[in-house]
C-alpha atoms as a PDB file:
ATOM      1  CA  PHE A   1      -7.930  72.943   2.993  1.00  0.00           C
ATOM      2  CA  TYR A   2      -4.429  71.177   3.027  1.00  0.00           C
ATOM      3  CA  CYS A   3      -4.657  67.998   5.551  1.00  0.00           C
ATOM      4  CA  ALA A   4      -1.707  67.400   6.652  1.00  0.00           C
ATOM      5  CA  GLU A   5      -1.825  63.449   8.329  1.00  0.00           C
ATOM      6  CA  ASP A   6      -3.037  62.897   4.312  1.00  0.00           C
ATOM      7  CA  ASP A   7      -0.587  64.910   2.454  1.00  0.00           C
ATOM      8  CA  LYS A   8      -3.206  65.891   0.208  1.00  0.00           C
ATOM      9  CA  CYS A   9      -5.569  69.071  -0.305  1.00  0.00           C
ATOM     10  CA  ILE A  10      -8.811  69.327  -0.174  1.00  0.00           C
ATOM     11  CA  ILE A  11     -11.432  71.851  -1.760  1.00  0.00           C
ATOM     12  CA  GLY A  12     -12.084  74.246   0.371  1.00  0.00           C
ATOM     13  CA  GLU A  13     -16.351  73.898   0.708  1.00  0.00           C
ATOM     14  CA  TRP A  14     -15.371  70.852   1.780  1.00  0.00           C
ATOM     15  CA  GLN A  15     -13.648  72.287   5.003  1.00  0.00           C
ATOM     16  CA  CYS A  16     -16.865  72.134   8.108  1.00  0.00           C
ATOM     17  CA  ASP A  17     -19.247  69.791   6.084  1.00  0.00           C
ATOM     18  CA  ASN A  18     -19.805  67.249   8.302  1.00  0.00           C
ATOM     19  CA  TYR A  19     -17.625  64.887   7.032  1.00  0.00           C
ATOM     20  CA  PRO A  20     -14.666  64.195   7.712  1.00  0.00           C
ATOM     21  CA  ASP A  21     -12.382  64.691   4.419  1.00  0.00           C
ATOM     22  CA  CYS A  22      -9.454  64.334   5.940  1.00  0.00           C
ATOM     23  CA  SER A  23      -8.450  60.868   7.723  1.00  0.00           C
ATOM     24  CA  ASP A  24      -7.944  62.591  10.417  1.00  0.00           C
ATOM     25  CA  GLY A  25     -10.831  64.377  10.435  1.00  0.00           C
ATOM     26  CA  THR A  26      -9.346  68.201  11.044  1.00  0.00           C
ATOM     27  CA  ASP A  27     -11.322  69.606   7.804  1.00  0.00           C
ATOM     28  CA  GLU A  28     -13.788  69.178  10.894  1.00  0.00           C
ATOM     29  CA  LEU A  29     -12.640  70.752  14.121  1.00  0.00           C
ATOM     30  CA  GLY A  30     -13.735  73.890  14.285  1.00  0.00           C
ATOM     31  CA  TYR A  31     -16.923  73.176  12.917  1.00  0.00           C
ATOM     32  CA  THR A  32     -19.828  74.402  15.606  1.00  0.00           C
ATOM     33  CA  CYS A  33     -23.335  72.442  15.039  1.00  0.00           C
ATOM     34  CA  THR A  34     -26.521  74.262  14.926  1.00  0.00           C
ATOM     35  CA  SER A  35     -29.483  74.317  18.141  1.00  0.00           C
ATOM     36  CA  ASP A  36     -30.955  71.398  16.652  1.00  0.00           C
ATOM     37  CA  GLN A  37     -28.217  69.043  16.159  1.00  0.00           C
ATOM     38  CA  PHE A  38     -26.621  66.903  18.651  1.00  0.00           C
ATOM     39  CA  LYS A  39     -22.399  67.342  18.077  1.00  0.00           C
ATOM     40  CA  CYS A  40     -21.077  63.164  17.996  1.00  0.00           C
ATOM     41  CA  SER A  41     -18.223  63.007  20.360  1.00  0.00           C
ATOM     42  CA  ASN A  42     -16.528  62.700  17.137  1.00  0.00           C
ATOM     43  CA  GLY A  43     -17.408  66.001  15.669  1.00  0.00           C
ATOM     44  CA  ARG A  44     -20.190  65.388  13.482  1.00  0.00           C
ATOM     45  CA  CYS A  45     -23.259  66.930  13.853  1.00  0.00           C
ATOM     46  CA  ILE A  46     -26.583  64.944  13.812  1.00  0.00           C
ATOM     47  CA  ALA A  47     -30.375  65.614  13.623  1.00  0.00           C
ATOM     48  CA  ASN A  48     -31.523  65.653  17.353  1.00  0.00           C
ATOM     49  CA  SER A  49     -34.290  63.551  16.008  1.00  0.00           C
ATOM     50  CA  TRP A  50     -31.303  60.695  15.459  1.00  0.00           C
ATOM     51  CA  HIS A  51     -30.163  60.695  19.346  1.00  0.00           C
ATOM     52  CA  CYS A  52     -31.186  57.952  21.076  1.00  0.00           C
ATOM     53  CA  ASP A  53     -32.785  56.563  18.136  1.00  0.00           C
ATOM     54  CA  GLY A  54     -31.639  52.726  18.231  1.00  0.00           C
ATOM     55  CA  GLU A  55     -29.125  53.748  15.364  1.00  0.00           C
ATOM     56  CA  ASP A  56     -24.828  54.365  15.423  1.00  0.00           C
ATOM     57  CA  ASP A  57     -25.462  57.894  13.288  1.00  0.00           C
ATOM     58  CA  CYS A  58     -22.588  59.084  14.395  1.00  0.00           C
ATOM     59  CA  ALA A  59     -20.040  55.858  13.215  1.00  0.00           C
ATOM     60  CA  ASP A  60     -18.797  55.901  16.351  1.00  0.00           C
ATOM     61  CA  GLY A  61     -22.001  55.336  18.769  1.00  0.00           C
ATOM     62  CA  SER A  62     -22.119  58.092  21.047  1.00  0.00           C
ATOM     63  CA  ASP A  63     -25.163  59.255  19.916  1.00  0.00           C
ATOM     64  CA  GLU A  64     -26.110  55.899  21.216  1.00  0.00           C
ATOM     65  CA  ALA A  65     -24.751  55.924  24.355  1.00  0.00           C
ATOM     66  CA  GLY A  66     -26.413  56.164  27.384  1.00  0.00           C
ATOM     67  CA  CYS A  67     -30.136  55.970  26.412  1.00  0.00           C
END
């Protein structure tokens, strides 16, 4: 997968692995969370049980917003 902003390639298996390997996160765009996951504002998927658990699991605070 080509990371345009970084001008680098990453291993294709890293695309949509729930971890942004490109600095702009384009390798995670289009990833769909499963029914037992919470989708963070930054596109990351975390376990539903981590939503509103008092810890910032999304790394952007979206899983704790409005709790």
